[in-house]
Amino acid sequence: MLSKGSTLTIASNTITVTDSFHLVATSDPDNTTTENLTTINGGHTAGQVVVLMAANDDETVKVKNSASLAIGADTDLDTDTDTITLMWTGSKWVGLASRVATTPS
């Protein structure tokens, strides 16, 4: 079972995880529609898993492939059903899976 933590707000392209599941919001939801996420602090034990989900539909959290986030390609979390699942290796987060919802036509 995942433990739901608080909603995390991006600051300087960074969040700090404290639980296994977090909603992620941009730093200024009234004025910022897209914000990059390049660093996730809070990895403690190799094998630690975290699931991140967009806080709401009005913002886009762009999870960027970076030195500390090995996810292969950037992933946009822009609806409140988009998720990315990451695992801490002891030195960086690696992507295990992402789910980006599509709107039925």
PDB file of N, CA and C in Angstrom:
ATOM      1  N   MET A   1       0.839  -1.169   0.000  1.00  0.00           N
ATOM      2  CA  MET A   1       0.000   0.000   0.000  1.00  0.00           C
ATOM      3  C   MET A   1       0.891   1.243   0.000  1.00  0.00           C
ATOM      4  N   LEU A   2       0.496   2.230  -0.787  1.00  0.00           N
ATOM      5  CA  LEU A   2       1.221   3.493  -0.831  1.00  0.00           C
ATOM      6  C   LEU A   2       0.776   4.386   0.320  1.00  0.00           C
ATOM      7  N   SER A   3       1.714   5.155   0.826  1.00  0.00           N
ATOM      8  CA  SER A   3       1.426   6.110   1.885  1.00  0.00           C
ATOM      9  C   SER A   3       1.318   7.497   1.257  1.00  0.00           C
ATOM     10  N   LYS A   4       0.132   8.132   1.356  1.00  0.00           N
ATOM     11  CA  LYS A   4      -0.066   9.437   0.728  1.00  0.00           C
ATOM     12  C   LYS A   4       0.522  10.545   1.586  1.00  0.00           C
ATOM     13  N   GLY A   5       1.464  11.234   1.002  1.00  0.00           N
ATOM     14  CA  GLY A   5       2.068  12.380   1.661  1.00  0.00           C
ATOM     15  C   GLY A   5       1.356  13.660   1.261  1.00  0.00           C
ATOM     16  N   SER A   6       1.917  14.754   1.669  1.00  0.00           N
ATOM     17  CA  SER A   6       1.346  16.061   1.369  1.00  0.00           C
ATOM     18  C   SER A   6       1.523  16.399  -0.111  1.00  0.00           C
ATOM     19  N   THR A   7       0.786  17.413  -0.570  1.00  0.00           N
ATOM     20  CA  THR A   7       1.012  17.941  -1.909  1.00  0.00           C
ATOM     21  C   THR A   7       2.327  18.695  -1.891  1.00  0.00           C
ATOM     22  N   LEU A   8       3.211  18.368  -2.835  1.00  0.00           N
ATOM     23  CA  LEU A   8       4.526  18.991  -2.917  1.00  0.00           C
ATOM     24  C   LEU A   8       4.501  20.104  -3.949  1.00  0.00           C
ATOM     25  N   THR A   9       5.058  21.248  -3.615  1.00  0.00           N
ATOM     26  CA  THR A   9       5.138  22.379  -4.522  1.00  0.00           C
ATOM     27  C   THR A   9       6.570  22.500  -5.025  1.00  0.00           C
ATOM     28  N   ILE A  10       6.726  22.601  -6.334  1.00  0.00           N
ATOM     29  CA  ILE A  10       8.052  22.720  -6.940  1.00  0.00           C
ATOM     30  C   ILE A  10       8.688  24.042  -6.532  1.00  0.00           C
ATOM     31  N   ALA A  11       9.950  23.972  -6.104  1.00  0.00           N
ATOM     32  CA  ALA A  11      10.736  25.168  -5.785  1.00  0.00           C
ATOM     33  C   ALA A  11      12.102  24.989  -6.433  1.00  0.00           C
ATOM     34  N   SER A  12      12.483  25.903  -7.306  1.00  0.00           N
ATOM     35  CA  SER A  12      13.769  25.817  -8.025  1.00  0.00           C
ATOM     36  C   SER A  12      13.908  24.471  -8.733  1.00  0.00           C
ATOM     37  N   ASN A  13      12.835  24.022  -9.377  1.00  0.00           N
ATOM     38  CA  ASN A  13      12.793  22.767 -10.145  1.00  0.00           C
ATOM     39  C   ASN A  13      12.967  21.526  -9.277  1.00  0.00           C
ATOM     40  N   THR A  14      12.686  21.633  -7.974  1.00  0.00           N
ATOM     41  CA  THR A  14      12.975  20.559  -7.020  1.00  0.00           C
ATOM     42  C   THR A  14      11.793  20.298  -6.094  1.00  0.00           C
ATOM     43  N   ILE A  15      11.620  19.020  -5.718  1.00  0.00           N
ATOM     44  CA  ILE A  15      10.715  18.639  -4.634  1.00  0.00           C
ATOM     45  C   ILE A  15      11.476  17.710  -3.697  1.00  0.00           C
ATOM     46  N   THR A  16      10.940  17.525  -2.497  1.00  0.00           N
ATOM     47  CA  THR A  16      11.494  16.566  -1.541  1.00  0.00           C
ATOM     48  C   THR A  16      10.385  15.616  -1.135  1.00  0.00           C
ATOM     49  N   VAL A  17      10.541  14.340  -1.469  1.00  0.00           N
ATOM     50  CA  VAL A  17       9.520  13.346  -1.139  1.00  0.00           C
ATOM     51  C   VAL A  17       9.703  12.875   0.303  1.00  0.00           C
ATOM     52  N   THR A  18       8.577  12.588   0.938  1.00  0.00           N
ATOM     53  CA  THR A  18       8.584  12.087   2.311  1.00  0.00           C
ATOM     54  C   THR A  18       7.755  10.818   2.457  1.00  0.00           C
ATOM     55  N   ASP A  19       6.980  10.490   1.440  1.00  0.00           N
ATOM     56  CA  ASP A  19       6.129   9.307   1.449  1.00  0.00           C
ATOM     57  C   ASP A  19       6.219   8.616   0.091  1.00  0.00           C
ATOM     58  N   SER A  20       5.417   7.588  -0.109  1.00  0.00           N
ATOM     59  CA  SER A  20       5.487   6.832  -1.360  1.00  0.00           C
ATOM     60  C   SER A  20       4.537   7.355  -2.440  1.00  0.00           C
ATOM     61  N   PHE A  21       3.677   8.327  -2.093  1.00  0.00           N
ATOM     62  CA  PHE A  21       2.762   8.905  -3.073  1.00  0.00           C
ATOM     63  C   PHE A  21       2.585  10.390  -2.773  1.00  0.00           C
ATOM     64  N   HIS A  22       2.748  11.224  -3.803  1.00  0.00           N
ATOM     65  CA  HIS A  22       2.574  12.668  -3.635  1.00  0.00           C
ATOM     66  C   HIS A  22       1.882  13.271  -4.843  1.00  0.00           C
ATOM     67  N   LEU A  23       1.027  14.263  -4.607  1.00  0.00           N
ATOM     68  CA  LEU A  23       0.557  15.156  -5.650  1.00  0.00           C
ATOM     69  C   LEU A  23       1.616  16.233  -5.796  1.00  0.00           C
ATOM     70  N   VAL A  24       1.836  16.715  -7.031  1.00  0.00           N
ATOM     71  CA  VAL A  24       2.858  17.732  -7.281  1.00  0.00           C
ATOM     72  C   VAL A  24       2.206  18.932  -7.957  1.00  0.00           C
ATOM     73  N   ALA A  25       2.498  20.126  -7.405  1.00  0.00           N
ATOM     74  CA  ALA A  25       1.936  21.382  -7.916  1.00  0.00           C
ATOM     75  C   ALA A  25       3.053  22.322  -8.353  1.00  0.00           C
ATOM     76  N   THR A  26       2.728  23.231  -9.274  1.00  0.00           N
ATOM     77  CA  THR A  26       3.690  24.256  -9.682  1.00  0.00           C
ATOM     78  C   THR A  26       3.818  25.293  -8.567  1.00  0.00           C
ATOM     79  N   SER A  27       4.888  26.088  -8.616  1.00  0.00           N
ATOM     80  CA  SER A  27       5.182  27.032  -7.539  1.00  0.00           C
ATOM     81  C   SER A  27       4.199  28.190  -7.444  1.00  0.00           C
ATOM     82  N   ASP A  28       3.580  28.552  -8.550  1.00  0.00           N
ATOM     83  CA  ASP A  28       2.628  29.664  -8.551  1.00  0.00           C
ATOM     84  C   ASP A  28       1.446  29.286  -9.430  1.00  0.00           C
ATOM     85  N   PRO A  29       0.516  28.504  -8.898  1.00  0.00           N
ATOM     86  CA  PRO A  29      -0.574  27.988  -9.733  1.00  0.00           C
ATOM     87  C   PRO A  29      -1.441  29.061 -10.371  1.00  0.00           C
ATOM     88  N   ASP A  30      -1.453  30.277  -9.807  1.00  0.00           N
ATOM     89  CA  ASP A  30      -2.258  31.346 -10.403  1.00  0.00           C
ATOM     90  C   ASP A  30      -1.613  31.913 -11.662  1.00  0.00           C
ATOM     91  N   ASN A  31      -0.279  31.793 -11.780  1.00  0.00           N
ATOM     92  CA  ASN A  31       0.433  32.405 -12.905  1.00  0.00           C
ATOM     93  C   ASN A  31       1.313  31.451 -13.694  1.00  0.00           C
ATOM     94  N   THR A  32       1.584  30.272 -13.164  1.00  0.00           N
ATOM     95  CA  THR A  32       2.472  29.329 -13.835  1.00  0.00           C
ATOM     96  C   THR A  32       1.668  28.141 -14.315  1.00  0.00           C
ATOM     97  N   THR A  33       1.686  27.907 -15.616  1.00  0.00           N
ATOM     98  CA  THR A  33       0.947  26.767 -16.135  1.00  0.00           C
ATOM     99  C   THR A  33       1.842  25.555 -16.353  1.00  0.00           C
ATOM    100  N   THR A  34       3.152  25.780 -16.562  1.00  0.00           N
ATOM    101  CA  THR A  34       4.095  24.677 -16.760  1.00  0.00           C
ATOM    102  C   THR A  34       5.348  24.949 -15.944  1.00  0.00           C
ATOM    103  N   GLU A  35       5.826  23.900 -15.260  1.00  0.00           N
ATOM    104  CA  GLU A  35       7.060  24.046 -14.494  1.00  0.00           C
ATOM    105  C   GLU A  35       7.854  22.755 -14.588  1.00  0.00           C
ATOM    106  N   ASN A  36       9.173  22.895 -14.740  1.00  0.00           N
ATOM    107  CA  ASN A  36      10.057  21.739 -14.841  1.00  0.00           C
ATOM    108  C   ASN A  36      10.367  21.165 -13.466  1.00  0.00           C
ATOM    109  N   LEU A  37      10.457  19.836 -13.417  1.00  0.00           N
ATOM    110  CA  LEU A  37      10.915  19.122 -12.234  1.00  0.00           C
ATOM    111  C   LEU A  37      12.161  18.357 -12.645  1.00  0.00           C
ATOM    112  N   THR A  38      13.330  18.765 -12.125  1.00  0.00           N
ATOM    113  CA  THR A  38      14.600  18.134 -12.514  1.00  0.00           C
ATOM    114  C   THR A  38      15.291  17.417 -11.368  1.00  0.00           C
ATOM    115  N   THR A  39      14.872  17.712 -10.124  1.00  0.00           N
ATOM    116  CA  THR A  39      15.527  17.111  -8.967  1.00  0.00           C
ATOM    117  C   THR A  39      14.492  16.678  -7.949  1.00  0.00           C
ATOM    118  N   ILE A  40      14.657  15.455  -7.445  1.00  0.00           N
ATOM    119  CA  ILE A  40      13.807  14.963  -6.363  1.00  0.00           C
ATOM    120  C   ILE A  40      14.727  14.557  -5.219  1.00  0.00           C
ATOM    121  N   ASN A  41      14.590  15.258  -4.110  1.00  0.00           N
ATOM    122  CA  ASN A  41      15.323  14.901  -2.901  1.00  0.00           C
ATOM    123  C   ASN A  41      14.481  13.943  -2.073  1.00  0.00           C
ATOM    124  N   GLY A  42      15.112  13.281  -1.122  1.00  0.00           N
ATOM    125  CA  GLY A  42      14.373  12.414  -0.209  1.00  0.00           C
ATOM    126  C   GLY A  42      14.572  10.941  -0.454  1.00  0.00           C
ATOM    127  N   GLY A  43      15.441  10.569  -1.412  1.00  0.00           N
ATOM    128  CA  GLY A  43      15.750   9.160  -1.598  1.00  0.00           C
ATOM    129  C   GLY A  43      16.616   8.677  -0.445  1.00  0.00           C
ATOM    130  N   HIS A  44      16.178   7.623   0.246  1.00  0.00           N
ATOM    131  CA  HIS A  44      16.900   7.163   1.426  1.00  0.00           C
ATOM    132  C   HIS A  44      17.483   5.763   1.266  1.00  0.00           C
ATOM    133  N   THR A  45      16.703   4.851   0.721  1.00  0.00           N
ATOM    134  CA  THR A  45      17.113   3.457   0.646  1.00  0.00           C
ATOM    135  C   THR A  45      16.959   2.961  -0.782  1.00  0.00           C
ATOM    136  N   ALA A  46      17.988   2.313  -1.301  1.00  0.00           N
ATOM    137  CA  ALA A  46      17.879   1.729  -2.641  1.00  0.00           C
ATOM    138  C   ALA A  46      16.650   0.829  -2.691  1.00  0.00           C
ATOM    139  N   GLY A  47      15.856   0.992  -3.736  1.00  0.00           N
ATOM    140  CA  GLY A  47      14.616   0.236  -3.881  1.00  0.00           C
ATOM    141  C   GLY A  47      13.378   1.013  -3.448  1.00  0.00           C
ATOM    142  N   GLN A  48      13.578   2.169  -2.823  1.00  0.00           N
ATOM    143  CA  GLN A  48      12.460   3.032  -2.428  1.00  0.00           C
ATOM    144  C   GLN A  48      11.694   3.438  -3.681  1.00  0.00           C
ATOM    145  N   VAL A  49      10.366   3.362  -3.628  1.00  0.00           N
ATOM    146  CA  VAL A  49       9.518   3.687  -4.775  1.00  0.00           C
ATOM    147  C   VAL A  49       8.613   4.862  -4.406  1.00  0.00           C
ATOM    148  N   VAL A  50       8.419   5.768  -5.377  1.00  0.00           N
ATOM    149  CA  VAL A  50       7.499   6.882  -5.189  1.00  0.00           C
ATOM    150  C   VAL A  50       6.654   7.039  -6.450  1.00  0.00           C
ATOM    151  N   VAL A  51       5.379   7.356  -6.236  1.00  0.00           N
ATOM    152  CA  VAL A  51       4.460   7.658  -7.333  1.00  0.00           C
ATOM    153  C   VAL A  51       4.099   9.134  -7.221  1.00  0.00           C
ATOM    154  N   LEU A  52       4.268   9.854  -8.327  1.00  0.00           N
ATOM    155  CA  LEU A  52       3.923  11.278  -8.380  1.00  0.00           C
ATOM    156  C   LEU A  52       2.741  11.464  -9.320  1.00  0.00           C
ATOM    157  N   MET A  53       1.839  12.365  -8.947  1.00  0.00           N
ATOM    158  CA  MET A  53       0.644  12.641  -9.750  1.00  0.00           C
ATOM    159  C   MET A  53       0.446  14.152  -9.820  1.00  0.00           C
ATOM    160  N   ALA A  54      -0.040  14.623 -10.943  1.00  0.00           N
ATOM    161  CA  ALA A  54      -0.352  16.043 -11.091  1.00  0.00           C
ATOM    162  C   ALA A  54      -1.381  16.458 -10.048  1.00  0.00           C
ATOM    163  N   ALA A  55      -1.165  17.630  -9.437  1.00  0.00           N
ATOM    164  CA  ALA A  55      -2.091  18.115  -8.409  1.00  0.00           C
ATOM    165  C   ALA A  55      -3.432  18.530  -8.996  1.00  0.00           C
ATOM    166  N   ASN A  56      -3.417  19.071 -10.219  1.00  0.00           N
ATOM    167  CA  ASN A  56      -4.682  19.458 -10.850  1.00  0.00           C
ATOM    168  C   ASN A  56      -4.518  19.613 -12.352  1.00  0.00           C
ATOM    169  N   ASP A  57      -5.635  19.798 -13.019  1.00  0.00           N
ATOM    170  CA  ASP A  57      -5.666  19.873 -14.483  1.00  0.00           C
ATOM    171  C   ASP A  57      -5.208  21.211 -15.044  1.00  0.00           C
ATOM    172  N   ASP A  58      -5.070  22.226 -14.220  1.00  0.00           N
ATOM    173  CA  ASP A  58      -4.730  23.562 -14.703  1.00  0.00           C
ATOM    174  C   ASP A  58      -3.232  23.810 -14.808  1.00  0.00           C
ATOM    175  N   GLU A  59      -2.419  22.855 -14.368  1.00  0.00           N
ATOM    176  CA  GLU A  59      -0.970  23.007 -14.359  1.00  0.00           C
ATOM    177  C   GLU A  59      -0.323  21.808 -15.045  1.00  0.00           C
ATOM    178  N   THR A  60       0.879  22.030 -15.596  1.00  0.00           N
ATOM    179  CA  THR A  60       1.660  20.928 -16.150  1.00  0.00           C
ATOM    180  C   THR A  60       2.978  20.846 -15.405  1.00  0.00           C
ATOM    181  N   VAL A  61       3.226  19.687 -14.820  1.00  0.00           N
ATOM    182  CA  VAL A  61       4.522  19.401 -14.217  1.00  0.00           C
ATOM    183  C   VAL A  61       5.299  18.603 -15.249  1.00  0.00           C
ATOM    184  N   LYS A  62       6.385  19.179 -15.745  1.00  0.00           N
ATOM    185  CA  LYS A  62       7.211  18.507 -16.747  1.00  0.00           C
ATOM    186  C   LYS A  62       8.369  17.833 -16.022  1.00  0.00           C
ATOM    187  N   VAL A  63       8.279  16.502 -15.850  1.00  0.00           N
ATOM    188  CA  VAL A  63       9.341  15.728 -15.212  1.00  0.00           C
ATOM    189  C   VAL A  63      10.418  15.531 -16.274  1.00  0.00           C
ATOM    190  N   LYS A  64      11.603  16.106 -16.006  1.00  0.00           N
ATOM    191  CA  LYS A  64      12.670  16.158 -17.006  1.00  0.00           C
ATOM    192  C   LYS A  64      13.693  15.045 -16.786  1.00  0.00           C
ATOM    193  N   ASN A  65      14.052  14.379 -17.874  1.00  0.00           N
ATOM    194  CA  ASN A  65      15.170  13.443 -17.831  1.00  0.00           C
ATOM    195  C   ASN A  65      16.418  14.261 -17.490  1.00  0.00           C
ATOM    196  N   SER A  66      17.134  13.880 -16.435  1.00  0.00           N
ATOM    197  CA  SER A  66      18.285  14.661 -15.975  1.00  0.00           C
ATOM    198  C   SER A  66      19.283  13.740 -15.285  1.00  0.00           C
ATOM    199  N   ALA A  67      20.363  14.315 -14.779  1.00  0.00           N
ATOM    200  CA  ALA A  67      21.387  13.521 -14.097  1.00  0.00           C
ATOM    201  C   ALA A  67      20.819  12.786 -12.884  1.00  0.00           C
ATOM    202  N   SER A  68      19.837  13.386 -12.216  1.00  0.00           N
ATOM    203  CA  SER A  68      19.275  12.750 -11.025  1.00  0.00           C
ATOM    204  C   SER A  68      17.933  12.064 -11.271  1.00  0.00           C
ATOM    205  N   LEU A  69      17.403  12.196 -12.502  1.00  0.00           N
ATOM    206  CA  LEU A  69      16.140  11.556 -12.882  1.00  0.00           C
ATOM    207  C   LEU A  69      16.326  10.815 -14.206  1.00  0.00           C
ATOM    208  N   ALA A  70      16.652   9.554 -14.135  1.00  0.00           N
ATOM    209  CA  ALA A  70      16.872   8.750 -15.338  1.00  0.00           C
ATOM    210  C   ALA A  70      15.542   8.149 -15.785  1.00  0.00           C
ATOM    211  N   ILE A  71      14.802   8.932 -16.590  1.00  0.00           N
ATOM    212  CA  ILE A  71      13.478   8.470 -17.023  1.00  0.00           C
ATOM    213  C   ILE A  71      13.391   8.258 -18.535  1.00  0.00           C
ATOM    214  N   GLY A  72      14.494   8.470 -19.241  1.00  0.00           N
ATOM    215  CA  GLY A  72      14.526   8.229 -20.677  1.00  0.00           C
ATOM    216  C   GLY A  72      14.041   9.396 -21.504  1.00  0.00           C
ATOM    217  N   ALA A  73      12.853   9.871 -21.218  1.00  0.00           N
ATOM    218  CA  ALA A  73      12.283  11.007 -21.950  1.00  0.00           C
ATOM    219  C   ALA A  73      11.466  11.840 -20.973  1.00  0.00           C
ATOM    220  N   ASP A  74      11.367  13.131 -21.238  1.00  0.00           N
ATOM    221  CA  ASP A  74      10.560  14.000 -20.386  1.00  0.00           C
ATOM    222  C   ASP A  74       9.119  13.486 -20.350  1.00  0.00           C
ATOM    223  N   THR A  75       8.474  13.638 -19.195  1.00  0.00           N
ATOM    224  CA  THR A  75       7.100  13.192 -19.014  1.00  0.00           C
ATOM    225  C   THR A  75       6.273  14.343 -18.466  1.00  0.00           C
ATOM    226  N   ASP A  76       5.175  14.669 -19.147  1.00  0.00           N
ATOM    227  CA  ASP A  76       4.279  15.727 -18.691  1.00  0.00           C
ATOM    228  C   ASP A  76       3.172  15.139 -17.828  1.00  0.00           C
ATOM    229  N   LEU A  77       3.037  15.680 -16.627  1.00  0.00           N
ATOM    230  CA  LEU A  77       1.905  15.355 -15.762  1.00  0.00           C
ATOM    231  C   LEU A  77       0.985  16.565 -15.835  1.00  0.00           C
ATOM    232  N   ASP A  78      -0.074  16.460 -16.650  1.00  0.00           N
ATOM    233  CA  ASP A  78      -0.912  17.645 -16.844  1.00  0.00           C
ATOM    234  C   ASP A  78      -2.403  17.411 -16.643  1.00  0.00           C
ATOM    235  N   THR A  79      -2.756  16.246 -16.142  1.00  0.00           N
ATOM    236  CA  THR A  79      -4.122  16.027 -15.662  1.00  0.00           C
ATOM    237  C   THR A  79      -4.010  15.359 -14.303  1.00  0.00           C
ATOM    238  N   ASP A  80      -5.086  15.394 -13.555  1.00  0.00           N
ATOM    239  CA  ASP A  80      -5.028  14.822 -12.213  1.00  0.00           C
ATOM    240  C   ASP A  80      -5.123  13.297 -12.211  1.00  0.00           C
ATOM    241  N   THR A  81      -4.897  12.678 -13.385  1.00  0.00           N
ATOM    242  CA  THR A  81      -4.790  11.221 -13.448  1.00  0.00           C
ATOM    243  C   THR A  81      -3.450  10.771 -14.040  1.00  0.00           C
ATOM    244  N   ASP A  82      -2.603  11.716 -14.435  1.00  0.00           N
ATOM    245  CA  ASP A  82      -1.266  11.372 -14.957  1.00  0.00           C
ATOM    246  C   ASP A  82      -0.345  11.022 -13.799  1.00  0.00           C
ATOM    247  N   THR A  83       0.430   9.953 -13.956  1.00  0.00           N
ATOM    248  CA  THR A  83       1.351   9.535 -12.901  1.00  0.00           C
ATOM    249  C   THR A  83       2.698   9.130 -13.480  1.00  0.00           C
ATOM    250  N   ILE A  84       3.723   9.180 -12.622  1.00  0.00           N
ATOM    251  CA  ILE A  84       5.020   8.598 -12.929  1.00  0.00           C
ATOM    252  C   ILE A  84       5.486   7.861 -11.682  1.00  0.00           C
ATOM    253  N   THR A  85       6.020   6.662 -11.875  1.00  0.00           N
ATOM    254  CA  THR A  85       6.510   5.840 -10.777  1.00  0.00           C
ATOM    255  C   THR A  85       8.021   5.744 -10.895  1.00  0.00           C
ATOM    256  N   LEU A  86       8.713   6.068  -9.813  1.00  0.00           N
ATOM    257  CA  LEU A  86      10.168   6.129  -9.805  1.00  0.00           C
ATOM    258  C   LEU A  86      10.736   5.262  -8.686  1.00  0.00           C
ATOM    259  N   MET A  87      11.975   4.773  -8.879  1.00  0.00           N
ATOM    260  CA  MET A  87      12.667   4.005  -7.854  1.00  0.00           C
ATOM    261  C   MET A  87      14.034   4.625  -7.589  1.00  0.00           C
ATOM    262  N   TRP A  88      14.397   4.740  -6.322  1.00  0.00           N
ATOM    263  CA  TRP A  88      15.690   5.278  -5.908  1.00  0.00           C
ATOM    264  C   TRP A  88      16.734   4.159  -5.977  1.00  0.00           C
ATOM    265  N   THR A  89      17.849   4.415  -6.660  1.00  0.00           N
ATOM    266  CA  THR A  89      18.905   3.399  -6.805  1.00  0.00           C
ATOM    267  C   THR A  89      19.982   3.521  -5.738  1.00  0.00           C
ATOM    268  N   GLY A  90      19.923   4.573  -4.974  1.00  0.00           N
ATOM    269  CA  GLY A  90      20.982   4.882  -4.026  1.00  0.00           C
ATOM    270  C   GLY A  90      21.759   6.109  -4.468  1.00  0.00           C
ATOM    271  N   SER A  91      21.615   6.450  -5.770  1.00  0.00           N
ATOM    272  CA  SER A  91      22.304   7.646  -6.280  1.00  0.00           C
ATOM    273  C   SER A  91      21.421   8.500  -7.186  1.00  0.00           C
ATOM    274  N   LYS A  92      20.332   7.935  -7.704  1.00  0.00           N
ATOM    275  CA  LYS A  92      19.412   8.698  -8.557  1.00  0.00           C
ATOM    276  C   LYS A  92      18.074   7.966  -8.630  1.00  0.00           C
ATOM    277  N   TRP A  93      17.068   8.681  -9.127  1.00  0.00           N
ATOM    278  CA  TRP A  93      15.745   8.097  -9.363  1.00  0.00           C
ATOM    279  C   TRP A  93      15.690   7.580 -10.791  1.00  0.00           C
ATOM    280  N   VAL A  94      15.156   6.376 -10.973  1.00  0.00           N
ATOM    281  CA  VAL A  94      14.966   5.822 -12.317  1.00  0.00           C
ATOM    282  C   VAL A  94      13.474   5.583 -12.533  1.00  0.00           C
ATOM    283  N   GLY A  95      13.054   5.803 -13.773  1.00  0.00           N
ATOM    284  CA  GLY A  95      11.646   5.617 -14.094  1.00  0.00           C
ATOM    285  C   GLY A  95      11.288   4.154 -14.208  1.00  0.00           C
ATOM    286  N   LEU A  96      10.217   3.754 -13.554  1.00  0.00           N
ATOM    287  CA  LEU A  96       9.690   2.399 -13.687  1.00  0.00           C
ATOM    288  C   LEU A  96       8.496   2.370 -14.636  1.00  0.00           C
ATOM    289  N   ALA A  97       7.649   3.399 -14.538  1.00  0.00           N
ATOM    290  CA  ALA A  97       6.450   3.450 -15.378  1.00  0.00           C
ATOM    291  C   ALA A  97       5.868   4.852 -15.337  1.00  0.00           C
ATOM    292  N   SER A  98       5.132   5.186 -16.393  1.00  0.00           N
ATOM    293  CA  SER A  98       4.353   6.420 -16.384  1.00  0.00           C
ATOM    294  C   SER A  98       3.023   6.134 -17.044  1.00  0.00           C
ATOM    295  N   ARG A  99       2.027   6.864 -16.611  1.00  0.00           N
ATOM    296  CA  ARG A  99       0.697   6.752 -17.207  1.00  0.00           C
ATOM    297  C   ARG A  99       0.228   8.163 -17.485  1.00  0.00           C
ATOM    298  N   VAL A 100       0.078   8.460 -18.750  1.00  0.00           N
ATOM    299  CA  VAL A 100      -0.422   9.762 -19.171  1.00  0.00           C
ATOM    300  C   VAL A 100      -1.792   9.525 -19.785  1.00  0.00           C
ATOM    301  N   ALA A 101      -2.801  10.073 -19.120  1.00  0.00           N
ATOM    302  CA  ALA A 101      -4.181   9.833 -19.533  1.00  0.00           C
ATOM    303  C   ALA A 101      -4.481  10.512 -20.859  1.00  0.00           C
ATOM    304  N   THR A 102      -5.345   9.921 -21.619  1.00  0.00           N
ATOM    305  CA  THR A 102      -5.806  10.546 -22.861  1.00  0.00           C
ATOM    306  C   THR A 102      -7.314  10.749 -22.752  1.00  0.00           C
ATOM    307  N   THR A 103      -7.783  11.755 -23.412  1.00  0.00           N
ATOM    308  CA  THR A 103      -9.205  12.050 -23.415  1.00  0.00           C
ATOM    309  C   THR A 103      -9.876  11.254 -24.523  1.00  0.00           C
ATOM    310  N   PRO A 104     -10.907  10.466 -24.192  1.00  0.00           N
ATOM    311  CA  PRO A 104     -11.597   9.712 -25.237  1.00  0.00           C
ATOM    312  C   PRO A 104     -12.212  10.649 -26.274  1.00  0.00           C
ATOM    313  N   SER A 105     -12.176  10.226 -27.525  1.00  0.00           N
ATOM    314  CA  SER A 105     -12.744  11.070 -28.578  1.00  0.00           C
ATOM    315  C   SER A 105     -14.181  10.703 -28.869  1.00  0.00           C
TER     316      SER A 105
END
